Amino acid sequence: MTAEQAAPLLLWIAIFVVFYFVLIRPQQVQQRRYREMLRRLKKGDRVLTRGGLYGVIVEIKDNQIMLELAQNVRVRADRTAVQAVVNRPAAGS
């Protein structure tokens, strides 16, 4: 194979490598962090849902969580509805 024939092949390989490190790899890392965050959810965590609601986890059963949005206002949601753990609530709140 001559250098002229190898150049297009090397270009495609270089493009794939760039795409991998710019697009694919960061997405995989982000998905891994998200799955780990969902796995570590526990009672008392203050969370933000994908719908924009803030709540405190009061119960976890398998893939469902019970969120308290306000005093005596509770909703059941799928664990994957949690977008992020916001912070730990202060004692007594």
Protein backbone atom coordinates (compact mmCIF):
# COMPACT_ATOMS: atom_id res chain seq x y z
CA MET A 1 0.00 0.00 0.00
CA THR A 2 1.41 3.35 -0.97
CA ALA A 3 1.33 6.50 1.10
CA GLU A 4 -1.35 7.95 -1.22
CA GLN A 5 -3.56 4.92 -0.64
CA ALA A 6 -3.03 4.94 3.14
CA ALA A 7 -3.77 8.64 3.64
CA PRO A 8 -7.60 8.37 3.42
CA LEU A 9 -7.58 5.38 5.75
CA LEU A 10 -5.44 7.21 8.30
CA LEU A 11 -7.76 10.22 8.02
CA TRP A 12 -10.80 8.08 8.86
CA ILE A 13 -8.99 6.49 11.77
CA ALA A 14 -8.00 9.92 13.07
CA ILE A 15 -11.60 11.15 12.76
CA PHE A 16 -12.87 8.13 14.70
CA VAL A 17 -10.29 8.66 17.45
CA VAL A 18 -11.28 12.32 17.77
CA PHE A 19 -14.98 11.43 17.90
CA TYR A 20 -14.29 8.79 20.53
CA PHE A 21 -12.44 11.13 22.87
CA VAL A 22 -14.66 14.17 22.25
CA LEU A 23 -18.13 12.57 22.13
CA ILE A 24 -18.31 8.90 23.05
CA ARG A 25 -15.95 8.64 26.03
CA PRO A 26 -17.31 11.66 27.96
CA GLN A 27 -20.88 10.35 27.49
CA GLN A 28 -19.87 6.96 28.91
CA VAL A 29 -18.25 8.62 31.93
CA GLN A 30 -21.35 10.75 32.51
CA GLN A 31 -23.64 7.70 32.32
CA ARG A 32 -21.43 5.79 34.77
CA ARG A 33 -21.55 8.70 37.26
CA TYR A 34 -25.35 8.95 36.92
CA ARG A 35 -25.85 5.21 37.54
CA GLU A 36 -23.56 5.41 40.59
CA MET A 37 -25.51 8.42 41.93
CA LEU A 38 -28.79 6.50 41.54
CA ARG A 39 -27.30 3.48 43.28
CA ARG A 40 -26.18 5.60 46.26
CA LEU A 41 -29.55 7.31 46.86
CA LYS A 42 -30.72 6.94 50.43
CA LYS A 43 -33.43 8.09 52.76
CA GLY A 44 -33.00 11.76 53.69
CA ASP A 45 -31.28 12.85 50.48
CA ARG A 46 -32.59 16.11 49.00
CA VAL A 47 -32.97 15.59 45.26
CA LEU A 48 -33.97 17.38 42.09
CA THR A 49 -36.21 15.42 39.72
CA ARG A 50 -36.12 15.62 35.94
CA GLY A 51 -39.44 17.45 36.16
CA GLY A 52 -37.86 20.23 38.21
CA LEU A 53 -39.30 19.28 41.60
CA TYR A 54 -37.20 19.37 44.75
CA GLY A 55 -37.94 16.80 47.41
CA VAL A 56 -36.53 14.71 50.22
CA ILE A 57 -36.45 10.94 49.89
CA VAL A 58 -38.54 9.38 52.65
CA GLU A 59 -38.68 5.81 51.34
CA ILE A 60 -36.87 3.66 48.77
CA LYS A 61 -38.23 0.35 47.45
CA ASP A 62 -36.39 -1.30 44.57
CA ASN A 63 -36.71 1.16 41.67
CA GLN A 64 -39.31 3.40 43.29
CA ILE A 65 -38.82 6.26 45.71
CA MET A 66 -41.24 8.25 47.84
CA LEU A 67 -40.45 11.97 47.80
CA GLU A 68 -41.74 14.51 50.27
CA LEU A 69 -42.18 17.76 48.37
CA ALA A 70 -43.66 19.72 51.28
CA GLN A 71 -45.02 18.82 54.69
CA ASN A 72 -47.55 15.99 54.18
CA VAL A 73 -47.16 16.16 50.38
CA ARG A 74 -45.64 12.93 49.10
CA VAL A 75 -45.27 11.52 45.61
CA ARG A 76 -44.03 8.17 44.38
CA ALA A 77 -41.58 8.28 41.49
CA ASP A 78 -39.28 5.99 39.60
CA ARG A 79 -35.69 6.12 40.81
CA THR A 80 -34.56 7.28 37.36
CA ALA A 81 -36.73 10.43 37.76
CA VAL A 82 -33.98 11.78 40.02
CA GLN A 83 -31.68 14.09 38.11
CA ALA A 84 -29.32 15.05 40.91
CA VAL A 85 -28.73 14.95 44.64
CA VAL A 86 -28.86 18.62 45.63
CA ASN A 87 -27.60 18.50 49.21
CA ARG A 88 -28.14 16.84 52.51
CA PRO A 89 -30.87 18.55 54.55
CA ALA A 90 -29.80 20.13 57.85
CA ALA A 91 -30.86 18.38 61.05
CA GLY A 92 -34.33 19.42 62.17
CA SER A 93 -35.54 20.65 58.79
